[in-house]
C-alpha atoms as a PDB file:
ATOM      1  CA  MET A   1      31.204  10.109  -7.134  1.00  0.00           C
ATOM      2  CA  ARG A   2      28.289   8.291  -5.287  1.00  0.00           C
ATOM      3  CA  LYS A   3      25.232  10.384  -5.908  1.00  0.00           C
ATOM      4  CA  LEU A   4      21.499  10.082  -5.107  1.00  0.00           C
ATOM      5  CA  LEU A   5      18.864  11.019  -7.567  1.00  0.00           C
ATOM      6  CA  VAL A   6      15.731  12.284  -5.761  1.00  0.00           C
ATOM      7  CA  ILE A   7      12.521  12.345  -7.649  1.00  0.00           C
ATOM      8  CA  ASN A   8      10.120  14.702  -5.681  1.00  0.00           C
ATOM      9  CA  PHE A   9       6.447  14.784  -6.760  1.00  0.00           C
ATOM     10  CA  LEU A  10       4.866  17.937  -5.843  1.00  0.00           C
ATOM     11  CA  ASN A  11       1.201  16.570  -6.035  1.00  0.00           C
ATOM     12  CA  PRO A  12      -0.317  13.381  -4.792  1.00  0.00           C
ATOM     13  CA  ILE A  13      -0.293  10.689  -7.492  1.00  0.00           C
ATOM     14  CA  LYS A  14      -2.086   7.346  -7.814  1.00  0.00           C
ATOM     15  CA  TYR A  15      -0.546   4.240  -6.295  1.00  0.00           C
ATOM     16  CA  THR A  16      -0.580   2.234  -9.541  1.00  0.00           C
ATOM     17  CA  GLU A  17       1.336   5.149 -11.337  1.00  0.00           C
ATOM     18  CA  ALA A  18       4.018   5.024  -8.679  1.00  0.00           C
ATOM     19  CA  LEU A  19       4.250   1.234  -8.756  1.00  0.00           C
ATOM     20  CA  ASP A  20       4.761   1.324 -12.494  1.00  0.00           C
ATOM     21  CA  LEU A  21       7.352   4.060 -12.245  1.00  0.00           C
ATOM     22  CA  GLN A  22       9.192   2.072  -9.709  1.00  0.00           C
ATOM     23  CA  LYS A  23       9.287  -0.997 -11.709  1.00  0.00           C
ATOM     24  CA  ARG A  24      10.815   0.989 -14.732  1.00  0.00           C
ATOM     25  CA  ILE A  25      13.418   2.650 -12.642  1.00  0.00           C
ATOM     26  CA  HIS A  26      14.319  -0.724 -11.045  1.00  0.00           C
ATOM     27  CA  THR A  27      14.977  -2.268 -14.382  1.00  0.00           C
ATOM     28  CA  LEU A  28      17.391   0.744 -15.087  1.00  0.00           C
ATOM     29  CA  ARG A  29      19.119   0.386 -11.792  1.00  0.00           C
ATOM     30  CA  VAL A  30      19.619  -3.219 -12.120  1.00  0.00           C
ATOM     31  CA  ASN A  31      21.361  -2.641 -15.468  1.00  0.00           C
ATOM     32  CA  ASN A  32      23.553   0.100 -13.852  1.00  0.00           C
ATOM     33  CA  VAL A  33      22.047   2.712 -16.189  1.00  0.00           C
ATOM     34  CA  ILE A  34      21.292   5.210 -13.495  1.00  0.00           C
ATOM     35  CA  ASN A  35      22.410   5.802  -9.910  1.00  0.00           C
ATOM     36  CA  ASP A  36      20.259   4.875  -6.572  1.00  0.00           C
ATOM     37  CA  VAL A  37      16.972   6.730  -6.746  1.00  0.00           C
ATOM     38  CA  LEU A  38      14.778   8.045  -3.876  1.00  0.00           C
ATOM     39  CA  ILE A  39      11.181   8.763  -4.864  1.00  0.00           C
ATOM     40  CA  LEU A  40       9.364  10.921  -2.448  1.00  0.00           C
ATOM     41  CA  LEU A  41       5.463  11.541  -2.846  1.00  0.00           C
ATOM     42  CA  GLU A  42       1.974  11.570  -1.213  1.00  0.00           C
ATOM     43  CA  HIS A  43      -0.553   9.159  -2.499  1.00  0.00           C
ATOM     44  CA  TYR A  44      -4.300   9.394  -3.005  1.00  0.00           C
ATOM     45  CA  PRO A  45      -5.998   7.223  -0.384  1.00  0.00           C
ATOM     46  CA  VAL A  46      -5.016   3.576  -0.751  1.00  0.00           C
ATOM     47  CA  ILE A  47      -4.711   0.462   1.371  1.00  0.00           C
ATOM     48  CA  THR A  48      -1.986  -2.070   0.315  1.00  0.00           C
ATOM     49  CA  LEU A  49      -1.529  -5.648   1.544  1.00  0.00           C
ATOM     50  CA  GLY A  50       2.034  -7.115   1.386  1.00  0.00           C
ATOM     51  CA  ARG A  51       2.906 -10.532  -0.059  1.00  0.00           C
ATOM     52  CA  PHE A  52       2.799 -12.241   3.217  1.00  0.00           C
ATOM     53  CA  GLY A  53      -0.110 -10.123   4.642  1.00  0.00           C
ATOM     54  CA  LYS A  54      -3.403 -11.591   5.689  1.00  0.00           C
ATOM     55  CA  GLU A  55      -6.662 -10.598   4.187  1.00  0.00           C
ATOM     56  CA  SER A  56      -8.365 -10.768   7.621  1.00  0.00           C
ATOM     57  CA  ASN A  57      -6.414  -7.666   8.687  1.00  0.00           C
ATOM     58  CA  LEU A  58      -8.726  -5.696   6.205  1.00  0.00           C
ATOM     59  CA  LEU A  59     -11.607  -4.748   8.280  1.00  0.00           C
ATOM     60  CA  LYS A  60     -13.728  -3.399   5.510  1.00  0.00           C
ATOM     61  CA  THR A  61     -15.084  -4.901   2.416  1.00  0.00           C
ATOM     62  CA  GLU A  62     -13.588  -3.637  -0.957  1.00  0.00           C
ATOM     63  CA  SER A  63     -17.043  -2.275  -1.880  1.00  0.00           C
ATOM     64  CA  GLU A  64     -16.948  -0.379   1.478  1.00  0.00           C
ATOM     65  CA  LEU A  65     -13.580   0.879   0.730  1.00  0.00           C
ATOM     66  CA  LYS A  66     -14.766   2.086  -2.718  1.00  0.00           C
ATOM     67  CA  GLU A  67     -17.616   4.019  -0.978  1.00  0.00           C
ATOM     68  CA  LEU A  68     -15.024   5.878   1.053  1.00  0.00           C
ATOM     69  CA  GLY A  69     -12.941   6.614  -1.903  1.00  0.00           C
ATOM     70  CA  ILE A  70     -10.101   4.287  -0.826  1.00  0.00           C
ATOM     71  CA  GLU A  71      -8.239   2.009  -3.405  1.00  0.00           C
ATOM     72  CA  TYR A  72      -7.238  -1.524  -2.417  1.00  0.00           C
ATOM     73  CA  PHE A  73      -4.171  -3.495  -3.815  1.00  0.00           C
ATOM     74  CA  ARG A  74      -2.139  -6.643  -3.074  1.00  0.00           C
ATOM     75  CA  VAL A  75       1.335  -5.862  -3.663  1.00  0.00           C
ATOM     76  CA  ASP A  76       4.736  -7.683  -3.749  1.00  0.00           C
ATOM     77  CA  ARG A  77       6.444  -5.776  -0.835  1.00  0.00           C
ATOM     78  CA  GLY A  78       7.242  -7.195   2.606  1.00  0.00           C
ATOM     79  CA  GLY A  79       5.205  -6.341   5.581  1.00  0.00           C
ATOM     80  CA  ASP A  80       1.351  -6.721   6.094  1.00  0.00           C
ATOM     81  CA  ILE A  81      -1.260  -4.213   5.385  1.00  0.00           C
ATOM     82  CA  THR A  82      -0.940  -0.415   5.754  1.00  0.00           C
ATOM     83  CA  TYR A  83      -2.795   2.849   4.450  1.00  0.00           C
ATOM     84  CA  HIS A  84      -1.412   5.765   2.466  1.00  0.00           C
ATOM     85  CA  GLY A  85      -3.055   9.078   1.820  1.00  0.00           C
ATOM     86  CA  PRO A  86      -2.524  12.840   1.534  1.00  0.00           C
ATOM     87  CA  GLY A  87      -0.342  14.230   4.244  1.00  0.00           C
ATOM     88  CA  GLN A  88       1.768  11.182   4.665  1.00  0.00           C
ATOM     89  CA  LEU A  89       5.066  11.229   3.157  1.00  0.00           C
ATOM     90  CA  VAL A  90       5.919   8.002   1.241  1.00  0.00           C
ATOM     91  CA  GLY A  91       9.468   7.239   0.095  1.00  0.00           C
ATOM     92  CA  TYR A  92      10.387   4.501  -2.397  1.00  0.00           C
ATOM     93  CA  LEU A  93      13.952   3.508  -2.574  1.00  0.00           C
ATOM     94  CA  ILE A  94      15.411   2.020  -5.689  1.00  0.00           C
ATOM     95  CA  PHE A  95      18.997   1.223  -4.252  1.00  0.00           C
ATOM     96  CA  LYS A  96      21.547  -1.374  -4.942  1.00  0.00           C
ATOM     97  CA  VAL A  97      21.626  -3.462  -1.671  1.00  0.00           C
ATOM     98  CA  GLU A  98      24.141  -5.500  -0.085  1.00  0.00           C
ATOM     99  CA  GLY A  99      22.579  -6.491   3.164  1.00  0.00           C
ATOM    100  CA  VAL A 100      18.806  -6.516   3.819  1.00  0.00           C
ATOM    101  CA  LYS A 101      18.983  -5.984   7.592  1.00  0.00           C
ATOM    102  CA  ASN A 102      21.374  -3.257   7.290  1.00  0.00           C
ATOM    103  CA  PHE A 103      19.469  -1.534   4.461  1.00  0.00           C
ATOM    104  CA  ILE A 104      16.166  -1.603   6.450  1.00  0.00           C
ATOM    105  CA  LEU A 105      17.974  -0.241   9.638  1.00  0.00           C
ATOM    106  CA  LYS A 106      19.554   2.650   7.710  1.00  0.00           C
ATOM    107  CA  ILE A 107      16.056   3.604   6.577  1.00  0.00           C
ATOM    108  CA  GLU A 108      14.766   3.376  10.283  1.00  0.00           C
ATOM    109  CA  ARG A 109      17.798   5.397  11.619  1.00  0.00           C
ATOM    110  CA  GLY A 110      17.381   7.964   8.793  1.00  0.00           C
ATOM    111  CA  LEU A 111      13.642   8.679   9.793  1.00  0.00           C
ATOM    112  CA  VAL A 112      14.535   8.642  13.595  1.00  0.00           C
ATOM    113  CA  LYS A 113      16.965  11.530  12.831  1.00  0.00           C
ATOM    114  CA  VAL A 114      14.356  13.535  10.928  1.00  0.00           C
ATOM    115  CA  LEU A 115      11.903  13.072  13.875  1.00  0.00           C
ATOM    116  CA  SER A 116      14.503  14.329  16.384  1.00  0.00           C
ATOM    117  CA  ASP A 117      14.762  17.550  14.510  1.00  0.00           C
ATOM    118  CA  TYR A 118      11.164  18.046  15.582  1.00  0.00           C
ATOM    119  CA  GLY A 119      11.743  17.298  19.124  1.00  0.00           C
ATOM    120  CA  ILE A 120      10.142  13.788  18.809  1.00  0.00           C
ATOM    121  CA  LYS A 121      12.004  10.786  20.449  1.00  0.00           C
ATOM    122  CA  ALA A 122      11.461   7.851  18.256  1.00  0.00           C
ATOM    123  CA  ASP A 123      12.795   4.231  18.574  1.00  0.00           C
ATOM    124  CA  LEU A 124      13.124   1.189  16.832  1.00  0.00           C
ATOM    125  CA  SER A 125      11.920  -2.325  17.686  1.00  0.00           C
ATOM    126  CA  ILE A 126      13.682  -5.472  17.836  1.00  0.00           C
ATOM    127  CA  THR A 127      10.699  -7.481  16.795  1.00  0.00           C
ATOM    128  CA  ASN A 128       8.707  -5.187  14.441  1.00  0.00           C
ATOM    129  CA  PRO A 129      10.123  -3.074  11.735  1.00  0.00           C
ATOM    130  CA  GLY A 130       9.326   0.594  11.361  1.00  0.00           C
ATOM    131  CA  VAL A 131       9.778   3.597  13.706  1.00  0.00           C
ATOM    132  CA  TRP A 132       7.918   3.629  16.966  1.00  0.00           C
ATOM    133  CA  ILE A 133       7.154   6.060  19.760  1.00  0.00           C
ATOM    134  CA  GLU A 134       6.482   3.736  22.655  1.00  0.00           C
ATOM    135  CA  ASP A 135       3.757   1.335  21.251  1.00  0.00           C
ATOM    136  CA  LYS A 136       2.669   3.807  18.454  1.00  0.00           C
ATOM    137  CA  LYS A 137       3.933   3.421  14.846  1.00  0.00           C
ATOM    138  CA  ILE A 138       4.772   6.586  13.195  1.00  0.00           C
ATOM    139  CA  ALA A 139       6.567   5.160  10.134  1.00  0.00           C
ATOM    140  CA  ALA A 140       5.833   1.791   8.459  1.00  0.00           C
ATOM    141  CA  ILE A 141       8.512   0.065   6.261  1.00  0.00           C
ATOM    142  CA  GLY A 142       8.048  -2.574   3.530  1.00  0.00           C
ATOM    143  CA  VAL A 143      10.468  -3.316   0.880  1.00  0.00           C
ATOM    144  CA  ALA A 144      10.960  -5.759  -1.906  1.00  0.00           C
ATOM    145  CA  ILE A 145      14.475  -6.771  -3.280  1.00  0.00           C
ATOM    146  CA  LYS A 146      15.080  -8.336  -6.597  1.00  0.00           C
ATOM    147  CA  LYS A 147      18.349  -8.838  -8.391  1.00  0.00           C
ATOM    148  CA  ASN A 148      19.816  -7.022  -5.382  1.00  0.00           C
ATOM    149  CA  VAL A 149      17.925  -3.861  -6.020  1.00  0.00           C
ATOM    150  CA  SER A 150      15.182  -2.552  -3.679  1.00  0.00           C
ATOM    151  CA  TYR A 151      11.807  -0.901  -4.445  1.00  0.00           C
ATOM    152  CA  HIS A 152       8.926   0.055  -2.223  1.00  0.00           C
ATOM    153  CA  GLY A 153      10.179   1.733   0.917  1.00  0.00           C
ATOM    154  CA  PHE A 154       8.673   3.643   3.903  1.00  0.00           C
ATOM    155  CA  ALA A 155       5.604   5.634   4.855  1.00  0.00           C
ATOM    156  CA  LEU A 156       5.910   8.509   7.438  1.00  0.00           C
ATOM    157  CA  ASN A 157       2.802   9.879   8.976  1.00  0.00           C
ATOM    158  CA  VAL A 158       3.182  13.743   8.932  1.00  0.00           C
ATOM    159  CA  SER A 159      -0.144  15.396   8.870  1.00  0.00           C
ATOM    160  CA  ASN A 160      -2.476  12.731   7.323  1.00  0.00           C
ATOM    161  CA  ASP A 161      -5.802  11.731   8.689  1.00  0.00           C
ATOM    162  CA  LEU A 162      -5.260   8.636  10.988  1.00  0.00           C
ATOM    163  CA  THR A 163      -9.078   7.524  10.788  1.00  0.00           C
ATOM    164  CA  PRO A 164      -8.484   4.946   7.806  1.00  0.00           C
ATOM    165  CA  PHE A 165      -6.047   3.045   9.946  1.00  0.00           C
ATOM    166  CA  SER A 166      -9.089   1.914  11.762  1.00  0.00           C
ATOM    167  CA  TYR A 167     -10.301   0.173   8.703  1.00  0.00           C
ATOM    168  CA  ILE A 168      -7.307  -2.285   8.998  1.00  0.00           C
ATOM    169  CA  ILE A 169      -5.171  -3.945  11.582  1.00  0.00           C
ATOM    170  CA  PRO A 170      -2.018  -1.938  10.882  1.00  0.00           C
ATOM    171  CA  CYS A 171       0.880  -4.033   9.863  1.00  0.00           C
ATOM    172  CA  GLY A 172      -1.173  -7.077  11.183  1.00  0.00           C
ATOM    173  CA  LEU A 173      -0.208  -6.021  14.697  1.00  0.00           C
ATOM    174  CA  LYS A 174      -3.194  -6.140  17.209  1.00  0.00           C
ATOM    175  CA  ASN A 175      -3.143  -3.798  20.191  1.00  0.00           C
ATOM    176  CA  LYS A 176      -0.796  -1.374  18.584  1.00  0.00           C
ATOM    177  CA  LYS A 177      -1.519   2.232  17.770  1.00  0.00           C
ATOM    178  CA  VAL A 178      -0.511   4.638  14.951  1.00  0.00           C
ATOM    179  CA  THR A 179       0.554   8.234  15.268  1.00  0.00           C
ATOM    180  CA  SER A 180       1.819  11.133  13.210  1.00  0.00           C
ATOM    181  CA  LEU A 181       4.061  14.043  13.477  1.00  0.00           C
ATOM    182  CA  LEU A 182       1.237  16.368  13.666  1.00  0.00           C
ATOM    183  CA  LYS A 183      -0.095  14.390  16.750  1.00  0.00           C
ATOM    184  CA  GLU A 184       3.281  14.109  18.506  1.00  0.00           C
ATOM    185  CA  ALA A 185       4.690  17.701  17.983  1.00  0.00           C
ATOM    186  CA  ASP A 186       1.191  19.437  18.147  1.00  0.00           C
ATOM    187  CA  TYR A 187       1.862  21.213  14.840  1.00  0.00           C
ATOM    188  CA  SER A 188       2.367  20.269  11.113  1.00  0.00           C
ATOM    189  CA  PRO A 189       5.623  21.427   9.264  1.00  0.00           C
ATOM    190  CA  PRO A 190       5.166  21.643   5.527  1.00  0.00           C
ATOM    191  CA  ILE A 191       5.689  18.352   3.895  1.00  0.00           C
ATOM    192  CA  SER A 192       7.964  19.879   1.694  1.00  0.00           C
ATOM    193  CA  GLU A 193      10.243  20.682   4.596  1.00  0.00           C
ATOM    194  CA  VAL A 194      10.152  17.062   5.867  1.00  0.00           C
ATOM    195  CA  LYS A 195      11.084  15.870   2.375  1.00  0.00           C
ATOM    196  CA  GLU A 196      14.181  17.972   2.403  1.00  0.00           C
ATOM    197  CA  LYS A 197      15.066  16.626   5.958  1.00  0.00           C
ATOM    198  CA  VAL A 198      14.560  13.064   4.656  1.00  0.00           C
ATOM    199  CA  CYS A 199      16.871  13.790   1.620  1.00  0.00           C
ATOM    200  CA  LEU A 200      19.603  15.150   3.884  1.00  0.00           C
ATOM    201  CA  SER A 201      19.166  12.348   6.510  1.00  0.00           C
ATOM    202  CA  PHE A 202      19.380   9.597   3.938  1.00  0.00           C
ATOM    203  CA  VAL A 203      22.333  11.241   2.096  1.00  0.00           C
ATOM    204  CA  GLU A 204      24.275  10.947   5.525  1.00  0.00           C
ATOM    205  CA  GLU A 205      22.905   7.616   6.534  1.00  0.00           C
ATOM    206  CA  PHE A 206      23.724   5.852   3.140  1.00  0.00           C
ATOM    207  CA  ASN A 207      26.957   7.793   2.730  1.00  0.00           C
ATOM    208  CA  PHE A 208      26.077   9.493  -0.561  1.00  0.00           C
ATOM    209  CA  GLU A 209      28.515  12.394  -1.511  1.00  0.00           C
ATOM    210  CA  SER A 210      25.501  14.407  -2.881  1.00  0.00           C
ATOM    211  CA  PHE A 211      22.014  14.357  -4.317  1.00  0.00           C
ATOM    212  CA  GLU A 212      20.399  15.784  -7.151  1.00  0.00           C
ATOM    213  CA  ARG A 213      16.598  16.690  -7.010  1.00  0.00           C
ATOM    214  CA  LEU A 214      14.107  16.399  -9.875  1.00  0.00           C
ATOM    215  CA  ASN A 215      10.620  18.025  -9.055  1.00  0.00           C
ATOM    216  CA  LEU A 216       7.713  16.844 -10.820  1.00  0.00           C
ATOM    217  CA  SER A 217       4.168  17.533 -10.862  1.00  0.00           C
ATOM    218  CA  SER A 218       2.996  14.172 -12.250  1.00  0.00           C
ATOM    219  CA  CYS A 219       4.253  10.886 -13.638  1.00  0.00           C
ATOM    220  CA  LYS A 220       3.282  12.209 -17.128  1.00  0.00           C
ATOM    221  CA  GLU A 221       6.428  14.384 -16.867  1.00  0.00           C
ATOM    222  CA  LEU A 222       8.486  11.145 -17.097  1.00  0.00           C
ATOM    223  CA  THR A 223       6.987   9.597 -20.164  1.00  0.00           C
ATOM    224  CA  THR A 224      10.655   8.940 -21.238  1.00  0.00           C
ATOM    225  CA  PHE A 225      13.714   8.432 -19.204  1.00  0.00           C
ATOM    226  CA  ASP A 226      16.158  10.620 -20.978  1.00  0.00           C
ATOM    227  CA  ARG A 227      16.437  13.026 -18.116  1.00  0.00           C
ATOM    228  CA  LEU A 228      17.201  10.138 -15.832  1.00  0.00           C
ATOM    229  CA  LEU A 229      19.937   8.690 -18.129  1.00  0.00           C
ATOM    230  CA  VAL A 230      22.048  11.681 -17.871  1.00  0.00           C
ATOM    231  CA  ASP A 231      24.748  11.423 -15.236  1.00  0.00           C
ATOM    232  CA  LEU A 232      23.435  14.045 -12.993  1.00  0.00           C
END
């Protein structure tokens, strides 16, 4: 039975904590100890630069970011530069991957379906990954794949403050804008509701038979992986 394990964080967590968790789960997935895992969370304010990103796309100095309360990291995912913060839904996928292009396409289609549930018509771009509403990006995607298992994933703007995107050239794309579900739909659904829709959409898109949810307040609740090793 093909089942998805969803780790849902109820509170925002630091980027470094989530990255460490991903790497630990990635090892378990590579060794076929656990099923595919989807981590859903919000981050405290942070800007990350992908492995092929350009430092010139960061428009603030690191000291200026620190004064603004925003952390900054260079990471090993694909894509360029992006911002994460409260009110934005971040999804990290630790999945066995057979075809990279098809994998990313499924993420994009899953998010398009979620947005359609809110009356938002979003599209994909042939040249630029992510989910778009005309020339405005509402969801960014950046993944890494090692030993045929993915990590990192997507960031869907729900009700987050979009101001920090002005501190960067988002995804390294000049003359492109960013938007959010709040801005496009004129109201903000609870992020818990959006998480549920993402779960259901991804279960369908990736052909899982079911999913099991693990609700956590912080990474400290996963000091060991005994709960993950059980065949849920």
